Amino acid sequence: MLEKLSEKFPDDAPFIRNLINSQQRVDSLRVYADWLEESGDMVRAEIVRIHIQMANLVQESPQYRDRVEARNQYLEELTKSFPHARQWLALIGFGPIEVCFSAMKGNQPCPRRWENMPPVEGDGSKRLCLYCNRLVHYCDSIEEAAQYVENGELVTVDPKVPRRRHDLGQFRFGV
């Protein structure tokens, strides 16, 4: 994956390598945001900073929704001028793994997270869960996520997607 991302973002290559290999992801993201700002890429710098803030908030909180709204405004601007926005968002993305029962204890959701999984070689929108040895797909729509879930695959959904309670629940394995 690093080689493919480095081709798309050659100036970002050292930061991409650090994000992929870092145990201190938040610190790496902060350094990356500072570098983006110093390089004049204010939009991507702000999106990275918002990601850091969102990662520490409860998804149902008003603060989280406010940060999603701010991020969406920056994303509109980014997608107009940045052809690889989706791959880049998957790289800096974060989020819970949805509809996974492998790691569940009782009726709790999977504790694994997108940002803590290694990327799959050559595809920034997939990561490998080392706990259950399954692929996780980064999705930027509920429709896309539902297709993967319907096939028994794991997903994380981009925060920009408006969510409803149990919007992927009808596709749980065998249900």
C-alpha atoms as a PDB file:
ATOM      1  CA  MET A   1       0.000   0.000   0.000  1.00  0.00           C
ATOM      2  CA  LEU A   2       2.797   2.402   0.842  1.00  0.00           C
ATOM      3  CA  GLU A   3       4.170   2.321  -2.688  1.00  0.00           C
ATOM      4  CA  LYS A   4       0.776   3.052  -4.254  1.00  0.00           C
ATOM      5  CA  LEU A   5       0.005   5.850  -1.799  1.00  0.00           C
ATOM      6  CA  SER A   6       3.478   7.283  -2.211  1.00  0.00           C
ATOM      7  CA  GLU A   7       2.881   7.509  -5.965  1.00  0.00           C
ATOM      8  CA  LYS A   8      -0.347   9.436  -5.389  1.00  0.00           C
ATOM      9  CA  PHE A   9       1.103  11.603  -2.606  1.00  0.00           C
ATOM     10  CA  PRO A  10       4.878  11.725  -3.231  1.00  0.00           C
ATOM     11  CA  ASP A  11       5.511  14.668  -0.920  1.00  0.00           C
ATOM     12  CA  ASP A  12       3.547  12.967   1.843  1.00  0.00           C
ATOM     13  CA  ALA A  13       5.467   9.669   1.618  1.00  0.00           C
ATOM     14  CA  PRO A  14       7.480  10.019   4.872  1.00  0.00           C
ATOM     15  CA  PHE A  15       4.319  10.905   6.785  1.00  0.00           C
ATOM     16  CA  ILE A  16       2.356   8.073   5.184  1.00  0.00           C
ATOM     17  CA  ARG A  17       5.093   5.628   6.148  1.00  0.00           C
ATOM     18  CA  ASN A  18       5.028   6.965   9.687  1.00  0.00           C
ATOM     19  CA  LEU A  19       1.226   6.706   9.927  1.00  0.00           C
ATOM     20  CA  ILE A  20       1.293   3.125   8.727  1.00  0.00           C
ATOM     21  CA  ASN A  21       4.078   2.044  11.060  1.00  0.00           C
ATOM     22  CA  SER A  22       3.457   4.253  14.081  1.00  0.00           C
ATOM     23  CA  GLN A  23       2.268   2.993  17.418  1.00  0.00           C
ATOM     24  CA  GLN A  24       1.553   6.630  18.324  1.00  0.00           C
ATOM     25  CA  ARG A  25      -0.926   7.389  15.551  1.00  0.00           C
ATOM     26  CA  VAL A  26      -2.361  10.577  17.081  1.00  0.00           C
ATOM     27  CA  ASP A  27       1.104  12.054  17.498  1.00  0.00           C
ATOM     28  CA  SER A  28       1.926  11.119  13.901  1.00  0.00           C
ATOM     29  CA  LEU A  29      -1.285  12.755  12.707  1.00  0.00           C
ATOM     30  CA  ARG A  30      -0.449  15.954  14.610  1.00  0.00           C
ATOM     31  CA  VAL A  31       2.984  16.120  12.983  1.00  0.00           C
ATOM     32  CA  TYR A  32       1.407  15.429   9.591  1.00  0.00           C
ATOM     33  CA  ALA A  33      -1.186  18.207  10.102  1.00  0.00           C
ATOM     34  CA  ASP A  34       1.556  20.665  11.044  1.00  0.00           C
ATOM     35  CA  TRP A  35       3.555  19.717   7.950  1.00  0.00           C
ATOM     36  CA  LEU A  36       0.485  20.072   5.709  1.00  0.00           C
ATOM     37  CA  GLU A  37      -0.155  23.528   7.146  1.00  0.00           C
ATOM     38  CA  GLU A  38       3.474  24.567   6.688  1.00  0.00           C
ATOM     39  CA  SER A  39       3.255  23.287   3.102  1.00  0.00           C
ATOM     40  CA  GLY A  40       0.238  25.512   2.449  1.00  0.00           C
ATOM     41  CA  ASP A  41      -2.348  22.714   2.404  1.00  0.00           C
ATOM     42  CA  MET A  42      -4.696  24.194   4.977  1.00  0.00           C
ATOM     43  CA  VAL A  43      -7.721  22.129   3.950  1.00  0.00           C
ATOM     44  CA  ARG A  44      -6.070  18.751   4.484  1.00  0.00           C
ATOM     45  CA  ALA A  45      -4.383  20.047   7.662  1.00  0.00           C
ATOM     46  CA  GLU A  46      -7.767  21.002   9.106  1.00  0.00           C
ATOM     47  CA  ILE A  47      -9.328  17.679   8.124  1.00  0.00           C
ATOM     48  CA  VAL A  48      -6.515  15.820   9.924  1.00  0.00           C
ATOM     49  CA  ARG A  49      -6.991  17.972  13.030  1.00  0.00           C
ATOM     50  CA  ILE A  50     -10.741  17.394  12.980  1.00  0.00           C
ATOM     51  CA  HIS A  51     -10.106  13.631  12.705  1.00  0.00           C
ATOM     52  CA  ILE A  52      -7.961  13.798  15.826  1.00  0.00           C
ATOM     53  CA  GLN A  53     -10.724  15.628  17.690  1.00  0.00           C
ATOM     54  CA  MET A  54     -13.443  13.273  16.457  1.00  0.00           C
ATOM     55  CA  ALA A  55     -11.522  10.155  17.464  1.00  0.00           C
ATOM     56  CA  ASN A  56     -11.855  11.214  21.096  1.00  0.00           C
ATOM     57  CA  LEU A  57     -15.586  11.984  21.034  1.00  0.00           C
ATOM     58  CA  VAL A  58     -18.642   9.783  21.453  1.00  0.00           C
ATOM     59  CA  GLN A  59     -20.311   9.419  18.057  1.00  0.00           C
ATOM     60  CA  GLU A  60     -23.754  10.325  19.372  1.00  0.00           C
ATOM     61  CA  SER A  61     -22.574  13.522  21.080  1.00  0.00           C
ATOM     62  CA  PRO A  62     -23.417  17.014  19.798  1.00  0.00           C
ATOM     63  CA  GLN A  63     -19.684  17.832  19.725  1.00  0.00           C
ATOM     64  CA  TYR A  64     -19.042  14.903  17.388  1.00  0.00           C
ATOM     65  CA  ARG A  65     -21.843  15.992  15.052  1.00  0.00           C
ATOM     66  CA  ASP A  66     -20.430  19.546  15.037  1.00  0.00           C
ATOM     67  CA  ARG A  67     -17.002  18.218  14.064  1.00  0.00           C
ATOM     68  CA  VAL A  68     -18.548  16.054  11.313  1.00  0.00           C
ATOM     69  CA  GLU A  69     -20.302  19.123   9.933  1.00  0.00           C
ATOM     70  CA  ALA A  70     -17.054  21.119   9.931  1.00  0.00           C
ATOM     71  CA  ARG A  71     -15.224  18.194   8.305  1.00  0.00           C
ATOM     72  CA  ASN A  72     -17.884  17.897   5.614  1.00  0.00           C
ATOM     73  CA  GLN A  73     -17.405  21.549   4.672  1.00  0.00           C
ATOM     74  CA  TYR A  74     -13.672  20.991   4.240  1.00  0.00           C
ATOM     75  CA  LEU A  75     -14.350  17.761   2.332  1.00  0.00           C
ATOM     76  CA  GLU A  76     -16.468  19.611  -0.216  1.00  0.00           C
ATOM     77  CA  GLU A  77     -13.551  21.919  -0.878  1.00  0.00           C
ATOM     78  CA  LEU A  78     -11.041  19.055  -0.928  1.00  0.00           C
ATOM     79  CA  THR A  79     -12.900  16.863  -3.412  1.00  0.00           C
ATOM     80  CA  LYS A  80     -13.028  19.698  -5.951  1.00  0.00           C
ATOM     81  CA  SER A  81      -9.250  19.938  -6.165  1.00  0.00           C
ATOM     82  CA  PHE A  82      -7.903  16.627  -4.888  1.00  0.00           C
ATOM     83  CA  PRO A  83      -8.614  13.569  -7.072  1.00  0.00           C
ATOM     84  CA  HIS A  84      -7.493  11.017  -4.468  1.00  0.00           C
ATOM     85  CA  ALA A  85      -9.580  12.300  -1.572  1.00  0.00           C
ATOM     86  CA  ARG A  86     -11.181   8.923  -0.817  1.00  0.00           C
ATOM     87  CA  GLN A  87      -7.872   7.047  -0.614  1.00  0.00           C
ATOM     88  CA  TRP A  88      -6.392   9.814   1.507  1.00  0.00           C
ATOM     89  CA  LEU A  89      -9.360   9.777   3.894  1.00  0.00           C
ATOM     90  CA  ALA A  90      -9.020   6.017   4.302  1.00  0.00           C
ATOM     91  CA  LEU A  91      -5.355   6.541   5.191  1.00  0.00           C
ATOM     92  CA  ILE A  92      -6.037   9.102   7.923  1.00  0.00           C
ATOM     93  CA  GLY A  93      -9.411   7.597   8.819  1.00  0.00           C
ATOM     94  CA  PHE A  94     -10.561   6.133  12.068  1.00  0.00           C
ATOM     95  CA  GLY A  95     -13.602   4.351  13.311  1.00  0.00           C
ATOM     96  CA  PRO A  96     -15.089   1.273  14.850  1.00  0.00           C
ATOM     97  CA  ILE A  97     -15.392  -2.018  13.014  1.00  0.00           C
ATOM     98  CA  GLU A  98     -19.043  -2.710  12.382  1.00  0.00           C
ATOM     99  CA  VAL A  99     -21.024  -5.920  12.331  1.00  0.00           C
ATOM    100  CA  CYS A 100     -18.144  -7.998  13.669  1.00  0.00           C
ATOM    101  CA  PHE A 101     -18.931 -10.791  16.062  1.00  0.00           C
ATOM    102  CA  SER A 102     -15.504 -12.430  16.224  1.00  0.00           C
ATOM    103  CA  ALA A 103     -14.182 -10.275  19.035  1.00  0.00           C
ATOM    104  CA  MET A 104     -17.463  -9.790  20.886  1.00  0.00           C
ATOM    105  CA  LYS A 105     -17.852 -10.627  24.512  1.00  0.00           C
ATOM    106  CA  GLY A 106     -21.458 -10.866  25.450  1.00  0.00           C
ATOM    107  CA  ASN A 107     -23.353  -8.419  23.299  1.00  0.00           C
ATOM    108  CA  GLN A 108     -20.654  -5.727  23.016  1.00  0.00           C
ATOM    109  CA  PRO A 109     -19.364  -4.360  19.703  1.00  0.00           C
ATOM    110  CA  CYS A 110     -15.950  -5.318  18.401  1.00  0.00           C
ATOM    111  CA  PRO A 111     -13.314  -3.304  20.277  1.00  0.00           C
ATOM    112  CA  ARG A 112     -10.969  -3.248  17.250  1.00  0.00           C
ATOM    113  CA  ARG A 113     -10.596   0.006  15.318  1.00  0.00           C
ATOM    114  CA  TRP A 114      -9.698   0.897  11.725  1.00  0.00           C
ATOM    115  CA  GLU A 115      -6.828   3.153  12.693  1.00  0.00           C
ATOM    116  CA  ASN A 116      -5.088   0.361  14.602  1.00  0.00           C
ATOM    117  CA  MET A 117      -5.110  -2.189  11.774  1.00  0.00           C
ATOM    118  CA  PRO A 118      -2.396  -2.674   9.178  1.00  0.00           C
ATOM    119  CA  PRO A 119      -3.288  -1.610   5.633  1.00  0.00           C
ATOM    120  CA  VAL A 120      -3.556  -4.168   2.872  1.00  0.00           C
ATOM    121  CA  GLU A 121      -0.779  -4.030   0.272  1.00  0.00           C
ATOM    122  CA  GLY A 122      -1.863  -1.936  -2.693  1.00  0.00           C
ATOM    123  CA  ASP A 123      -5.301  -0.927  -1.384  1.00  0.00           C
ATOM    124  CA  GLY A 124      -5.725   1.944   1.046  1.00  0.00           C
ATOM    125  CA  SER A 125      -9.433   1.222   1.487  1.00  0.00           C
ATOM    126  CA  LYS A 126      -8.845  -2.187   3.111  1.00  0.00           C
ATOM    127  CA  ARG A 127      -7.183  -3.207   6.331  1.00  0.00           C
ATOM    128  CA  LEU A 128      -6.584  -6.550   7.952  1.00  0.00           C
ATOM    129  CA  CYS A 129      -7.930  -7.371  11.385  1.00  0.00           C
ATOM    130  CA  LEU A 130      -5.161  -9.352  13.034  1.00  0.00           C
ATOM    131  CA  TYR A 131      -7.578 -10.643  15.664  1.00  0.00           C
ATOM    132  CA  CYS A 132      -9.948 -12.465  13.322  1.00  0.00           C
ATOM    133  CA  ASN A 133      -7.767 -12.377  10.176  1.00  0.00           C
ATOM    134  CA  ARG A 134     -10.518 -10.781   8.079  1.00  0.00           C
ATOM    135  CA  LEU A 135     -10.529  -7.807   5.732  1.00  0.00           C
ATOM    136  CA  VAL A 136     -12.201  -4.577   6.792  1.00  0.00           C
ATOM    137  CA  HIS A 137     -13.441  -2.198   4.092  1.00  0.00           C
ATOM    138  CA  TYR A 138     -13.492   1.602   4.419  1.00  0.00           C
ATOM    139  CA  CYS A 139     -16.883   2.759   3.094  1.00  0.00           C
ATOM    140  CA  ASP A 140     -18.096   6.244   2.277  1.00  0.00           C
ATOM    141  CA  SER A 141     -21.778   5.354   1.948  1.00  0.00           C
ATOM    142  CA  ILE A 142     -24.264   3.137   3.748  1.00  0.00           C
ATOM    143  CA  GLU A 143     -25.117   1.498   0.439  1.00  0.00           C
ATOM    144  CA  GLU A 144     -21.496   0.468  -0.103  1.00  0.00           C
ATOM    145  CA  ALA A 145     -21.195  -0.741   3.503  1.00  0.00           C
ATOM    146  CA  ALA A 146     -24.449  -2.701   3.221  1.00  0.00           C
ATOM    147  CA  GLN A 147     -23.149  -4.567   0.162  1.00  0.00           C
ATOM    148  CA  TYR A 148     -20.037  -5.684   2.021  1.00  0.00           C
ATOM    149  CA  VAL A 149     -21.988  -6.575   5.164  1.00  0.00           C
ATOM    150  CA  GLU A 150     -24.527  -8.535   3.137  1.00  0.00           C
ATOM    151  CA  ASN A 151     -21.603 -10.671   1.911  1.00  0.00           C
ATOM    152  CA  GLY A 152     -20.433 -11.245   5.482  1.00  0.00           C
ATOM    153  CA  GLU A 153     -17.548  -8.774   5.278  1.00  0.00           C
ATOM    154  CA  LEU A 154     -16.490  -6.212   7.863  1.00  0.00           C
ATOM    155  CA  VAL A 155     -16.658  -2.445   7.415  1.00  0.00           C
ATOM    156  CA  THR A 156     -15.902   0.891   8.943  1.00  0.00           C
ATOM    157  CA  VAL A 157     -18.018   3.791   7.726  1.00  0.00           C
ATOM    158  CA  ASP A 158     -16.647   7.267   7.074  1.00  0.00           C
ATOM    159  CA  PRO A 159     -17.898   9.797   9.641  1.00  0.00           C
ATOM    160  CA  LYS A 160     -19.404  12.006   6.914  1.00  0.00           C
ATOM    161  CA  VAL A 161     -22.139   9.435   6.335  1.00  0.00           C
ATOM    162  CA  PRO A 162     -25.396  10.247   8.154  1.00  0.00           C
ATOM    163  CA  ARG A 163     -26.221   7.243  10.297  1.00  0.00           C
ATOM    164  CA  ARG A 164     -29.348   5.759  11.767  1.00  0.00           C
ATOM    165  CA  ARG A 165     -29.482   3.312  14.612  1.00  0.00           C
ATOM    166  CA  HIS A 166     -29.100  -0.243  13.270  1.00  0.00           C
ATOM    167  CA  ASP A 167     -28.716   0.967   9.668  1.00  0.00           C
ATOM    168  CA  LEU A 168     -26.488  -2.035   8.980  1.00  0.00           C
ATOM    169  CA  GLY A 169     -28.134  -4.347  11.517  1.00  0.00           C
ATOM    170  CA  GLN A 170     -30.541  -6.050   9.145  1.00  0.00           C
ATOM    171  CA  PHE A 171     -27.601  -7.727   7.398  1.00  0.00           C
ATOM    172  CA  ARG A 172     -25.992  -9.337  10.415  1.00  0.00           C
ATOM    173  CA  PHE A 173     -24.754 -12.825   9.680  1.00  0.00           C
ATOM    174  CA  GLY A 174     -27.696 -15.131   9.191  1.00  0.00           C
ATOM    175  CA  VAL A 175     -30.241 -12.686  10.601  1.00  0.00           C
END
